[in-house]
């Protein structure tokens, strides 16, 4: 779940460290939904892989709420180098790797991919690879469109792009995203922490 658009294709706004009370609230709601989906699964999960980890904030959150054996991948070597320095005491393995290069060696009981698919030219290919490496559960999240763009526009962000975050080339409503995911997975649960769509699913 990257923040650094210039290096890894993620958002330019640092939503994890911002002092903006509105963004802090939406991030709190994001992680509340996130924890509500994955924390009940802890006893059934031996290892976790995050794909598109950015600076590693979600991976560290996974560590904080009790998950162990966490690996985190990002396509940008610069971002991975930064992720390793933010909190080196966390027991997380950070590696440089593209979502398009996932293989059997990356398989994990829980695969997490937050705020990545909307950046991809070929999301169908990426979703198939996520299905292949998911042993048990996969958690996916993307912006809930057009709510995400409306939220950006209302707070004066990316106004010239009508609220579209730079690098977002796929735009799914919750219904459309569920339909997309169901081509490869069976959805167990849906959450909509404004302005995102989040699903917990199992591979077909």
N, C-alpha and C. Protein backbone atom coordinates (compact mmCIF):
# COMPACT_ATOMS: atom_id res chain seq x y z
N UNK A 1 0.87 -1.19 0.00
CA UNK A 1 0.00 0.00 0.00
C UNK A 1 0.89 1.22 0.00
N UNK A 2 1.33 1.59 -1.17
CA UNK A 2 2.39 2.57 -1.29
C UNK A 2 1.88 4.00 -1.27
N UNK A 3 2.76 4.91 -0.85
CA UNK A 3 2.47 6.34 -0.84
C UNK A 3 3.26 7.11 -1.87
N UNK A 4 4.35 6.57 -2.38
CA UNK A 4 5.31 7.36 -3.14
C UNK A 4 5.15 7.15 -4.63
N UNK A 5 4.33 7.99 -5.25
CA UNK A 5 4.01 7.84 -6.65
C UNK A 5 5.21 7.90 -7.56
N UNK A 6 6.20 8.74 -7.26
CA UNK A 6 7.31 8.91 -8.17
C UNK A 6 8.21 7.69 -8.22
N UNK A 7 8.19 6.89 -7.16
CA UNK A 7 9.09 5.74 -7.12
C UNK A 7 8.38 4.42 -7.30
N UNK A 8 7.16 4.30 -6.83
CA UNK A 8 6.53 2.98 -6.87
C UNK A 8 5.14 2.98 -7.45
N UNK A 9 4.66 4.12 -7.94
CA UNK A 9 3.36 4.14 -8.55
C UNK A 9 2.22 4.30 -7.59
N UNK A 10 2.50 4.59 -6.33
CA UNK A 10 1.46 4.72 -5.32
C UNK A 10 1.00 6.15 -5.16
N UNK A 11 0.27 6.40 -4.08
CA UNK A 11 -0.29 7.72 -3.86
C UNK A 11 0.79 8.71 -3.45
N UNK A 12 0.61 9.96 -3.83
CA UNK A 12 1.56 11.00 -3.48
C UNK A 12 1.35 11.44 -2.04
N UNK A 13 0.12 11.51 -1.59
CA UNK A 13 -0.18 11.90 -0.23
C UNK A 13 0.28 10.83 0.75
N UNK A 14 1.00 11.24 1.80
CA UNK A 14 1.42 10.31 2.84
C UNK A 14 0.28 10.15 3.82
N UNK A 15 -0.60 9.20 3.56
CA UNK A 15 -1.80 9.05 4.36
C UNK A 15 -1.54 8.41 5.72
N UNK A 16 -0.37 7.83 5.91
CA UNK A 16 -0.07 7.18 7.18
C UNK A 16 0.46 8.17 8.23
N UNK A 17 1.17 9.19 7.78
CA UNK A 17 1.80 10.11 8.71
C UNK A 17 1.19 11.52 8.67
N UNK A 18 0.10 11.69 7.95
CA UNK A 18 -0.51 13.00 7.84
C UNK A 18 -1.09 13.48 9.17
N UNK A 19 -1.16 14.79 9.33
CA UNK A 19 -1.82 15.38 10.50
C UNK A 19 -3.24 15.80 10.17
N UNK A 20 -3.64 15.62 8.90
CA UNK A 20 -4.99 15.98 8.49
C UNK A 20 -5.99 15.09 9.23
N UNK A 21 -6.88 15.68 10.03
CA UNK A 21 -7.78 14.85 10.85
C UNK A 21 -8.76 14.02 10.03
N UNK A 22 -9.14 14.51 8.85
CA UNK A 22 -10.08 13.76 8.01
C UNK A 22 -9.41 12.50 7.47
N UNK A 23 -8.20 12.66 6.95
CA UNK A 23 -7.48 11.50 6.42
C UNK A 23 -7.13 10.53 7.54
N UNK A 24 -6.77 11.05 8.71
CA UNK A 24 -6.49 10.17 9.84
C UNK A 24 -7.73 9.34 10.20
N UNK A 25 -8.90 9.95 10.11
CA UNK A 25 -10.14 9.23 10.43
C UNK A 25 -10.42 8.14 9.40
N UNK A 26 -10.25 8.45 8.12
CA UNK A 26 -10.54 7.43 7.10
C UNK A 26 -9.52 6.29 7.18
N UNK A 27 -8.27 6.60 7.54
CA UNK A 27 -7.29 5.54 7.70
C UNK A 27 -7.60 4.68 8.92
N UNK A 28 -8.09 5.30 9.98
CA UNK A 28 -8.50 4.54 11.16
C UNK A 28 -9.62 3.57 10.80
N UNK A 29 -10.57 4.03 10.00
CA UNK A 29 -11.68 3.18 9.58
C UNK A 29 -11.20 2.07 8.64
N UNK A 30 -10.21 2.40 7.80
CA UNK A 30 -9.63 1.39 6.92
C UNK A 30 -9.07 0.23 7.74
N UNK A 31 -8.24 0.55 8.73
CA UNK A 31 -7.61 -0.51 9.51
C UNK A 31 -8.59 -1.21 10.44
N UNK A 32 -9.65 -0.53 10.84
CA UNK A 32 -10.69 -1.20 11.62
C UNK A 32 -11.35 -2.30 10.78
N UNK A 33 -11.67 -1.98 9.53
CA UNK A 33 -12.25 -2.98 8.63
C UNK A 33 -11.24 -4.08 8.33
N UNK A 34 -10.01 -3.71 8.08
CA UNK A 34 -8.93 -4.64 7.78
C UNK A 34 -8.77 -5.65 8.92
N UNK A 35 -8.67 -5.15 10.15
CA UNK A 35 -8.49 -6.03 11.31
C UNK A 35 -9.71 -6.91 11.53
N UNK A 36 -10.89 -6.36 11.28
CA UNK A 36 -12.11 -7.13 11.47
C UNK A 36 -12.19 -8.34 10.55
N UNK A 37 -11.54 -8.24 9.39
CA UNK A 37 -11.55 -9.35 8.44
C UNK A 37 -10.45 -10.38 8.72
N UNK A 38 -9.26 -9.92 9.08
CA UNK A 38 -8.13 -10.86 9.15
C UNK A 38 -7.81 -11.35 10.56
N UNK A 39 -8.05 -10.55 11.58
CA UNK A 39 -7.65 -10.97 12.92
C UNK A 39 -8.34 -12.26 13.38
N UNK A 40 -9.63 -12.48 13.04
CA UNK A 40 -10.25 -13.76 13.43
C UNK A 40 -9.61 -14.98 12.76
N UNK A 41 -8.76 -14.76 11.75
CA UNK A 41 -8.15 -15.87 11.02
C UNK A 41 -6.79 -16.27 11.57
N UNK A 42 -6.29 -15.57 12.56
CA UNK A 42 -4.90 -15.75 12.99
C UNK A 42 -4.55 -17.19 13.30
N UNK A 43 -5.45 -17.92 13.95
CA UNK A 43 -5.16 -19.30 14.31
C UNK A 43 -5.04 -20.23 13.13
N UNK A 44 -5.47 -19.78 11.96
CA UNK A 44 -5.46 -20.60 10.76
C UNK A 44 -4.39 -20.16 9.77
N UNK A 45 -3.53 -19.21 10.18
CA UNK A 45 -2.57 -18.63 9.25
C UNK A 45 -1.15 -18.78 9.80
N UNK A 46 -0.30 -19.45 9.03
CA UNK A 46 1.09 -19.64 9.44
C UNK A 46 2.01 -18.56 8.87
N UNK A 47 1.67 -18.03 7.70
CA UNK A 47 2.53 -17.03 7.09
C UNK A 47 1.70 -16.06 6.25
N UNK A 48 2.27 -14.86 6.07
CA UNK A 48 1.57 -13.77 5.37
C UNK A 48 2.50 -13.19 4.31
N UNK A 49 1.93 -12.90 3.15
CA UNK A 49 2.65 -12.18 2.10
C UNK A 49 1.87 -10.93 1.75
N UNK A 50 2.54 -9.78 1.79
CA UNK A 50 1.92 -8.55 1.26
C UNK A 50 2.54 -8.23 -0.08
N UNK A 51 1.71 -8.02 -1.07
CA UNK A 51 2.15 -7.70 -2.43
C UNK A 51 1.88 -6.22 -2.68
N UNK A 52 2.94 -5.49 -3.07
CA UNK A 52 2.80 -4.04 -3.26
C UNK A 52 2.83 -3.33 -1.93
N UNK A 53 3.88 -3.56 -1.15
CA UNK A 53 3.91 -3.11 0.24
C UNK A 53 4.28 -1.65 0.43
N UNK A 54 4.81 -1.00 -0.63
CA UNK A 54 5.25 0.37 -0.44
C UNK A 54 6.27 0.46 0.68
N UNK A 55 6.11 1.45 1.54
CA UNK A 55 7.05 1.65 2.65
C UNK A 55 6.84 0.68 3.79
N UNK A 56 5.86 -0.21 3.67
CA UNK A 56 5.73 -1.28 4.64
C UNK A 56 4.81 -1.03 5.81
N UNK A 57 3.95 -0.02 5.71
CA UNK A 57 3.09 0.31 6.85
C UNK A 57 2.06 -0.79 7.13
N UNK A 58 1.49 -1.37 6.10
CA UNK A 58 0.52 -2.46 6.32
C UNK A 58 1.23 -3.69 6.88
N UNK A 59 2.41 -4.00 6.35
CA UNK A 59 3.18 -5.14 6.87
C UNK A 59 3.49 -4.96 8.35
N UNK A 60 3.88 -3.75 8.74
CA UNK A 60 4.17 -3.51 10.16
C UNK A 60 2.90 -3.57 10.99
N UNK A 61 1.78 -3.13 10.43
CA UNK A 61 0.52 -3.25 11.15
C UNK A 61 0.18 -4.72 11.37
N UNK A 62 0.39 -5.56 10.37
CA UNK A 62 0.16 -6.99 10.52
C UNK A 62 1.00 -7.56 11.66
N UNK A 63 2.23 -7.11 11.74
CA UNK A 63 3.11 -7.53 12.83
C UNK A 63 2.57 -7.06 14.18
N UNK A 64 2.11 -5.83 14.23
CA UNK A 64 1.62 -5.24 15.48
C UNK A 64 0.38 -5.96 16.02
N UNK A 65 -0.47 -6.48 15.12
CA UNK A 65 -1.70 -7.13 15.58
C UNK A 65 -1.52 -8.63 15.79
N UNK A 66 -0.28 -9.11 15.67
CA UNK A 66 -0.02 -10.47 16.10
C UNK A 66 0.36 -11.48 15.04
N UNK A 67 0.42 -11.07 13.77
CA UNK A 67 0.82 -12.02 12.74
C UNK A 67 2.35 -12.15 12.71
N UNK A 68 2.81 -13.33 12.34
CA UNK A 68 4.25 -13.57 12.26
C UNK A 68 4.59 -14.15 10.90
N UNK A 69 5.86 -14.35 10.66
CA UNK A 69 6.34 -14.86 9.37
C UNK A 69 5.75 -14.04 8.23
N UNK A 70 6.10 -12.74 8.21
CA UNK A 70 5.56 -11.80 7.23
C UNK A 70 6.62 -11.48 6.19
N UNK A 71 6.24 -11.63 4.92
CA UNK A 71 7.07 -11.18 3.81
C UNK A 71 6.34 -10.07 3.08
N UNK A 72 7.08 -9.12 2.54
CA UNK A 72 6.46 -7.97 1.88
C UNK A 72 7.25 -7.64 0.62
N UNK A 73 6.52 -7.50 -0.50
CA UNK A 73 7.14 -7.27 -1.80
C UNK A 73 6.71 -5.93 -2.38
N UNK A 74 7.63 -5.30 -3.12
CA UNK A 74 7.28 -4.12 -3.90
C UNK A 74 8.18 -4.08 -5.13
N UNK A 75 7.67 -3.50 -6.20
CA UNK A 75 8.41 -3.46 -7.46
C UNK A 75 9.60 -2.51 -7.40
N UNK A 76 9.57 -1.54 -6.47
CA UNK A 76 10.60 -0.50 -6.42
C UNK A 76 11.71 -0.84 -5.43
N UNK A 77 12.94 -1.00 -5.90
CA UNK A 77 14.05 -1.26 -4.96
C UNK A 77 14.30 -0.09 -4.02
N UNK A 78 14.04 1.15 -4.50
CA UNK A 78 14.22 2.30 -3.62
C UNK A 78 13.23 2.28 -2.46
N UNK A 79 11.99 1.93 -2.76
CA UNK A 79 10.97 1.88 -1.72
C UNK A 79 11.26 0.74 -0.74
N UNK A 80 11.71 -0.40 -1.24
CA UNK A 80 12.06 -1.51 -0.35
C UNK A 80 13.22 -1.13 0.55
N UNK A 81 14.21 -0.43 0.02
CA UNK A 81 15.32 0.03 0.86
C UNK A 81 14.83 0.94 1.97
N UNK A 82 13.89 1.82 1.64
CA UNK A 82 13.32 2.71 2.65
C UNK A 82 12.52 1.91 3.68
N UNK A 83 11.73 0.96 3.21
CA UNK A 83 10.90 0.15 4.13
C UNK A 83 11.75 -0.56 5.17
N UNK A 84 12.91 -1.01 4.77
CA UNK A 84 13.79 -1.73 5.69
C UNK A 84 14.34 -0.84 6.80
N UNK A 85 14.36 0.47 6.56
CA UNK A 85 14.96 1.38 7.54
C UNK A 85 13.96 1.99 8.51
N UNK A 86 12.67 1.97 8.17
CA UNK A 86 11.68 2.68 8.99
C UNK A 86 11.57 2.07 10.38
N UNK A 87 11.48 0.78 10.47
CA UNK A 87 11.40 0.10 11.78
C UNK A 87 12.08 -1.25 11.65
N UNK A 88 13.43 -1.25 11.66
CA UNK A 88 14.17 -2.48 11.38
C UNK A 88 13.99 -3.57 12.44
N UNK A 89 13.40 -3.24 13.59
CA UNK A 89 13.21 -4.23 14.64
C UNK A 89 12.03 -5.16 14.34
N UNK A 90 11.14 -4.73 13.44
CA UNK A 90 10.03 -5.60 13.06
C UNK A 90 10.58 -6.82 12.30
N UNK A 91 10.02 -7.98 12.59
CA UNK A 91 10.49 -9.21 11.97
C UNK A 91 9.77 -9.43 10.64
N UNK A 92 10.13 -8.61 9.65
CA UNK A 92 9.51 -8.64 8.33
C UNK A 92 10.60 -8.79 7.28
N UNK A 93 10.37 -9.66 6.31
CA UNK A 93 11.31 -9.81 5.19
C UNK A 93 10.80 -8.98 4.02
N UNK A 94 11.54 -7.95 3.65
CA UNK A 94 11.18 -7.09 2.52
C UNK A 94 11.99 -7.51 1.30
N UNK A 95 11.31 -7.61 0.16
CA UNK A 95 11.98 -8.02 -1.08
C UNK A 95 11.45 -7.21 -2.26
N UNK A 96 12.31 -7.01 -3.24
CA UNK A 96 11.91 -6.33 -4.47
C UNK A 96 11.38 -7.36 -5.47
N UNK A 97 10.12 -7.18 -5.87
CA UNK A 97 9.53 -8.10 -6.84
C UNK A 97 8.25 -7.51 -7.39
N UNK A 98 8.02 -7.69 -8.67
CA UNK A 98 6.80 -7.22 -9.32
C UNK A 98 5.66 -8.22 -9.09
N UNK A 99 4.46 -7.70 -9.01
CA UNK A 99 3.30 -8.57 -8.89
C UNK A 99 3.20 -9.51 -10.09
N UNK A 100 3.71 -9.09 -11.24
CA UNK A 100 3.64 -9.91 -12.45
C UNK A 100 4.64 -11.07 -12.42
N UNK A 101 5.56 -11.06 -11.46
CA UNK A 101 6.58 -12.11 -11.35
C UNK A 101 6.33 -13.05 -10.19
N UNK A 102 5.16 -12.99 -9.59
CA UNK A 102 4.84 -13.90 -8.49
C UNK A 102 4.91 -15.34 -8.97
N UNK A 103 5.42 -16.23 -8.09
CA UNK A 103 5.50 -17.64 -8.44
C UNK A 103 5.28 -18.48 -7.20
N UNK A 104 5.44 -19.79 -7.33
CA UNK A 104 5.13 -20.72 -6.25
C UNK A 104 5.92 -20.43 -4.98
N UNK A 105 7.10 -19.87 -5.12
CA UNK A 105 7.93 -19.57 -3.96
C UNK A 105 7.31 -18.48 -3.08
N UNK A 106 6.37 -17.73 -3.63
CA UNK A 106 5.75 -16.63 -2.88
C UNK A 106 4.48 -17.07 -2.15
N UNK A 107 4.06 -18.31 -2.31
CA UNK A 107 2.79 -18.76 -1.76
C UNK A 107 2.73 -18.56 -0.25
N UNK A 108 1.54 -18.18 0.25
CA UNK A 108 1.34 -17.94 1.68
C UNK A 108 -0.10 -18.25 2.06
N UNK A 109 -0.31 -18.52 3.34
CA UNK A 109 -1.67 -18.77 3.82
C UNK A 109 -2.56 -17.56 3.64
N UNK A 110 -2.01 -16.37 3.91
CA UNK A 110 -2.75 -15.11 3.72
C UNK A 110 -1.96 -14.22 2.79
N UNK A 111 -2.57 -13.81 1.70
CA UNK A 111 -1.98 -12.86 0.76
C UNK A 111 -2.75 -11.55 0.87
N UNK A 112 -2.03 -10.45 1.05
CA UNK A 112 -2.64 -9.13 1.19
C UNK A 112 -2.17 -8.25 0.04
N UNK A 113 -3.11 -7.61 -0.61
CA UNK A 113 -2.78 -6.72 -1.74
C UNK A 113 -3.69 -5.51 -1.68
N UNK A 114 -3.19 -4.44 -1.07
CA UNK A 114 -4.00 -3.24 -0.84
C UNK A 114 -3.52 -2.08 -1.72
N UNK A 115 -4.44 -1.48 -2.43
CA UNK A 115 -4.15 -0.27 -3.22
C UNK A 115 -3.07 -0.52 -4.25
N UNK A 116 -3.19 -1.63 -4.97
CA UNK A 116 -2.23 -1.99 -6.00
C UNK A 116 -2.91 -2.19 -7.35
N UNK A 117 -3.99 -2.94 -7.37
CA UNK A 117 -4.60 -3.35 -8.63
C UNK A 117 -5.05 -2.18 -9.49
N UNK A 118 -5.42 -1.06 -8.86
CA UNK A 118 -5.88 0.08 -9.62
C UNK A 118 -4.75 0.76 -10.41
N UNK A 119 -3.51 0.39 -10.10
CA UNK A 119 -2.35 0.98 -10.79
C UNK A 119 -1.90 0.16 -11.99
N UNK A 120 -2.52 -0.99 -12.22
CA UNK A 120 -1.97 -1.95 -13.18
C UNK A 120 -2.62 -1.87 -14.55
N UNK A 121 -1.79 -2.04 -15.58
CA UNK A 121 -2.30 -2.14 -16.95
C UNK A 121 -2.99 -3.48 -17.20
N UNK A 122 -2.56 -4.50 -16.47
CA UNK A 122 -3.09 -5.85 -16.70
C UNK A 122 -3.56 -6.47 -15.37
N UNK A 123 -4.60 -5.94 -14.77
CA UNK A 123 -5.04 -6.45 -13.47
C UNK A 123 -5.53 -7.89 -13.52
N UNK A 124 -6.06 -8.34 -14.66
CA UNK A 124 -6.51 -9.74 -14.76
C UNK A 124 -5.34 -10.70 -14.58
N UNK A 125 -4.21 -10.38 -15.20
CA UNK A 125 -3.03 -11.23 -15.05
C UNK A 125 -2.56 -11.25 -13.60
N UNK A 126 -2.57 -10.09 -12.97
CA UNK A 126 -2.14 -10.00 -11.58
C UNK A 126 -3.08 -10.78 -10.66
N UNK A 127 -4.37 -10.69 -10.91
CA UNK A 127 -5.35 -11.39 -10.07
C UNK A 127 -5.16 -12.90 -10.18
N UNK A 128 -4.87 -13.39 -11.38
CA UNK A 128 -4.63 -14.82 -11.55
C UNK A 128 -3.40 -15.27 -10.78
N UNK A 129 -2.35 -14.48 -10.79
CA UNK A 129 -1.15 -14.83 -10.04
C UNK A 129 -1.42 -14.79 -8.54
N UNK A 130 -2.20 -13.82 -8.08
CA UNK A 130 -2.58 -13.78 -6.66
C UNK A 130 -3.36 -15.03 -6.29
N UNK A 131 -4.23 -15.48 -7.17
CA UNK A 131 -4.99 -16.71 -6.91
C UNK A 131 -4.05 -17.91 -6.78
N UNK A 132 -3.08 -17.98 -7.66
CA UNK A 132 -2.17 -19.13 -7.66
C UNK A 132 -1.36 -19.22 -6.37
N UNK A 133 -0.93 -18.07 -5.83
CA UNK A 133 -0.06 -18.11 -4.64
C UNK A 133 -0.84 -18.08 -3.33
N UNK A 134 -2.16 -17.94 -3.39
CA UNK A 134 -2.95 -17.92 -2.16
C UNK A 134 -3.26 -19.34 -1.70
N UNK A 135 -2.71 -19.72 -0.56
CA UNK A 135 -2.97 -21.05 -0.03
C UNK A 135 -4.35 -21.12 0.61
N UNK A 136 -4.73 -20.06 1.36
CA UNK A 136 -6.00 -20.10 2.08
C UNK A 136 -6.84 -18.84 1.84
N UNK A 137 -6.30 -17.67 2.17
CA UNK A 137 -7.09 -16.44 2.14
C UNK A 137 -6.34 -15.34 1.41
N UNK A 138 -7.12 -14.46 0.80
CA UNK A 138 -6.56 -13.28 0.14
C UNK A 138 -7.40 -12.06 0.51
N UNK A 139 -6.74 -11.00 0.93
CA UNK A 139 -7.43 -9.74 1.21
C UNK A 139 -7.01 -8.71 0.18
N UNK A 140 -8.00 -8.14 -0.50
CA UNK A 140 -7.77 -7.15 -1.55
C UNK A 140 -8.51 -5.87 -1.23
N UNK A 141 -7.89 -4.74 -1.55
CA UNK A 141 -8.62 -3.47 -1.43
C UNK A 141 -8.24 -2.56 -2.58
N UNK A 142 -9.22 -1.78 -3.02
CA UNK A 142 -9.02 -0.78 -4.07
C UNK A 142 -9.90 0.42 -3.75
N UNK A 143 -9.64 1.57 -4.37
CA UNK A 143 -10.55 2.71 -4.20
C UNK A 143 -11.95 2.37 -4.68
N UNK A 144 -12.94 2.83 -3.94
CA UNK A 144 -14.35 2.67 -4.32
C UNK A 144 -14.72 3.88 -5.19
N UNK A 145 -14.83 3.64 -6.48
CA UNK A 145 -15.08 4.74 -7.42
C UNK A 145 -16.58 4.83 -7.77
N UNK A 146 -17.08 6.05 -7.99
CA UNK A 146 -16.34 7.31 -8.06
C UNK A 146 -16.17 8.01 -6.71
N UNK A 147 -16.51 7.34 -5.60
CA UNK A 147 -16.43 7.98 -4.29
C UNK A 147 -15.02 8.46 -3.98
N UNK A 148 -14.01 7.66 -4.36
CA UNK A 148 -12.64 8.01 -4.05
C UNK A 148 -12.25 9.33 -4.72
N UNK A 149 -12.60 9.46 -5.99
CA UNK A 149 -12.28 10.70 -6.71
C UNK A 149 -13.08 11.88 -6.16
N UNK A 150 -14.32 11.64 -5.79
CA UNK A 150 -15.14 12.71 -5.22
C UNK A 150 -14.55 13.19 -3.89
N UNK A 151 -14.04 12.24 -3.08
CA UNK A 151 -13.42 12.58 -1.81
C UNK A 151 -12.16 13.42 -2.04
N UNK A 152 -11.33 13.01 -2.99
CA UNK A 152 -10.14 13.78 -3.32
C UNK A 152 -10.50 15.19 -3.76
N UNK A 153 -11.46 15.28 -4.66
CA UNK A 153 -11.85 16.58 -5.20
C UNK A 153 -12.38 17.49 -4.10
N UNK A 154 -13.19 16.92 -3.19
CA UNK A 154 -13.79 17.71 -2.11
C UNK A 154 -12.74 18.27 -1.17
N UNK A 155 -11.62 17.56 -1.00
CA UNK A 155 -10.57 18.06 -0.11
C UNK A 155 -9.48 18.83 -0.88
N UNK A 156 -9.76 19.11 -2.16
CA UNK A 156 -8.86 19.93 -2.96
C UNK A 156 -7.64 19.21 -3.49
N UNK A 157 -7.73 17.88 -3.59
CA UNK A 157 -6.60 17.10 -4.07
C UNK A 157 -6.80 16.69 -5.53
N UNK A 158 -5.75 16.84 -6.33
CA UNK A 158 -5.75 16.41 -7.74
C UNK A 158 -6.92 17.02 -8.51
N UNK A 159 -7.17 18.29 -8.26
CA UNK A 159 -8.34 18.96 -8.85
C UNK A 159 -8.24 18.98 -10.37
N UNK A 160 -7.03 19.20 -10.90
CA UNK A 160 -6.87 19.24 -12.36
C UNK A 160 -7.21 17.91 -13.01
N UNK A 161 -7.11 16.82 -12.24
CA UNK A 161 -7.46 15.49 -12.74
C UNK A 161 -8.84 15.06 -12.28
N UNK A 162 -9.65 16.04 -11.85
CA UNK A 162 -11.00 15.76 -11.36
C UNK A 162 -10.99 14.75 -10.22
N UNK A 163 -9.96 14.87 -9.36
CA UNK A 163 -9.87 14.02 -8.18
C UNK A 163 -9.21 12.68 -8.39
N UNK A 164 -8.80 12.38 -9.61
CA UNK A 164 -8.17 11.08 -9.86
C UNK A 164 -6.71 11.10 -9.40
N UNK A 165 -6.37 10.19 -8.51
CA UNK A 165 -5.00 10.11 -8.01
C UNK A 165 -4.05 9.73 -9.13
N UNK A 166 -2.93 10.44 -9.29
CA UNK A 166 -1.97 10.07 -10.33
C UNK A 166 -1.58 8.60 -10.22
N UNK A 167 -1.62 7.91 -11.34
CA UNK A 167 -1.27 6.50 -11.35
C UNK A 167 -2.45 5.56 -11.28
N UNK A 168 -3.63 6.07 -10.94
CA UNK A 168 -4.82 5.22 -10.92
C UNK A 168 -5.37 5.11 -12.34
N UNK A 169 -5.29 3.91 -12.91
CA UNK A 169 -5.75 3.72 -14.28
C UNK A 169 -6.93 2.75 -14.36
N UNK A 170 -7.21 2.06 -13.27
CA UNK A 170 -8.41 1.21 -13.18
C UNK A 170 -9.35 1.85 -12.17
N UNK A 171 -10.64 1.86 -12.48
CA UNK A 171 -11.62 2.53 -11.62
C UNK A 171 -12.83 1.62 -11.44
N UNK A 172 -12.90 0.98 -10.26
CA UNK A 172 -13.97 0.03 -9.98
C UNK A 172 -14.94 0.58 -8.93
N UNK A 173 -16.22 0.45 -9.19
CA UNK A 173 -17.19 0.58 -8.11
C UNK A 173 -17.09 -0.69 -7.28
N UNK A 174 -17.71 -0.70 -6.10
CA UNK A 174 -17.69 -1.91 -5.27
C UNK A 174 -18.29 -3.10 -6.02
N UNK A 175 -19.39 -2.86 -6.70
CA UNK A 175 -20.05 -3.94 -7.43
C UNK A 175 -19.16 -4.47 -8.55
N UNK A 176 -18.54 -3.55 -9.29
CA UNK A 176 -17.67 -3.97 -10.39
C UNK A 176 -16.44 -4.72 -9.87
N UNK A 177 -15.90 -4.26 -8.75
CA UNK A 177 -14.72 -4.92 -8.21
C UNK A 177 -15.06 -6.33 -7.72
N UNK A 178 -16.22 -6.48 -7.08
CA UNK A 178 -16.64 -7.81 -6.65
C UNK A 178 -16.77 -8.75 -7.86
N UNK A 179 -17.34 -8.24 -8.93
CA UNK A 179 -17.50 -9.04 -10.14
C UNK A 179 -16.12 -9.43 -10.71
N UNK A 180 -15.20 -8.50 -10.68
CA UNK A 180 -13.84 -8.75 -11.14
C UNK A 180 -13.17 -9.83 -10.29
N UNK A 181 -13.23 -9.70 -8.98
CA UNK A 181 -12.59 -10.65 -8.08
C UNK A 181 -13.20 -12.04 -8.21
N UNK A 182 -14.51 -12.09 -8.41
CA UNK A 182 -15.21 -13.38 -8.48
C UNK A 182 -14.86 -14.19 -9.73
N UNK A 183 -14.08 -13.61 -10.63
CA UNK A 183 -13.60 -14.38 -11.77
C UNK A 183 -12.50 -15.35 -11.37
N UNK A 184 -11.89 -15.13 -10.19
CA UNK A 184 -10.79 -15.98 -9.73
C UNK A 184 -10.96 -16.48 -8.29
N UNK A 185 -11.78 -15.79 -7.51
CA UNK A 185 -11.92 -16.09 -6.09
C UNK A 185 -13.39 -16.21 -5.71
N UNK A 186 -13.62 -16.81 -4.56
CA UNK A 186 -14.93 -16.77 -3.92
C UNK A 186 -14.85 -15.78 -2.76
N UNK A 187 -15.71 -14.79 -2.78
CA UNK A 187 -15.67 -13.75 -1.77
C UNK A 187 -16.36 -14.23 -0.50
N UNK A 188 -15.64 -14.11 0.62
CA UNK A 188 -16.17 -14.49 1.92
C UNK A 188 -16.83 -13.32 2.63
N UNK A 189 -16.25 -12.12 2.45
CA UNK A 189 -16.76 -10.95 3.15
C UNK A 189 -16.39 -9.69 2.39
N UNK A 190 -17.27 -8.71 2.46
CA UNK A 190 -17.07 -7.40 1.83
C UNK A 190 -17.15 -6.32 2.89
N UNK A 191 -16.22 -5.38 2.84
CA UNK A 191 -16.29 -4.19 3.68
C UNK A 191 -16.09 -2.96 2.79
N UNK A 192 -16.70 -1.86 3.18
CA UNK A 192 -16.56 -0.62 2.41
C UNK A 192 -16.17 0.54 3.32
N UNK A 193 -14.95 0.50 3.89
CA UNK A 193 -14.50 1.63 4.70
C UNK A 193 -14.25 2.83 3.78
N UNK A 194 -15.09 3.82 3.85
CA UNK A 194 -15.02 4.96 2.92
C UNK A 194 -13.61 5.52 2.87
N UNK A 195 -13.06 5.73 1.65
CA UNK A 195 -13.62 5.50 0.31
C UNK A 195 -12.99 4.29 -0.41
N UNK A 196 -12.97 3.14 0.25
CA UNK A 196 -12.36 1.95 -0.33
C UNK A 196 -13.37 0.81 -0.41
N UNK A 197 -13.04 -0.16 -1.26
CA UNK A 197 -13.70 -1.46 -1.27
C UNK A 197 -12.67 -2.49 -0.81
N UNK A 198 -13.08 -3.35 0.13
CA UNK A 198 -12.17 -4.35 0.69
C UNK A 198 -12.87 -5.71 0.71
N UNK A 199 -12.21 -6.74 0.22
CA UNK A 199 -12.81 -8.07 0.22
C UNK A 199 -11.84 -9.08 0.80
N UNK A 200 -12.40 -10.04 1.53
CA UNK A 200 -11.66 -11.22 1.97
C UNK A 200 -12.19 -12.38 1.13
N UNK A 201 -11.30 -13.13 0.51
CA UNK A 201 -11.73 -14.16 -0.42
C UNK A 201 -10.83 -15.40 -0.34
N UNK A 202 -11.31 -16.45 -0.97
CA UNK A 202 -10.53 -17.70 -1.07
C UNK A 202 -10.45 -18.08 -2.54
N UNK A 203 -9.35 -18.73 -2.94
CA UNK A 203 -9.18 -19.04 -4.37
C UNK A 203 -10.16 -20.11 -4.84
N UNK A 204 -10.57 -19.97 -6.07
CA UNK A 204 -11.46 -20.97 -6.69
C UNK A 204 -10.65 -22.17 -7.16
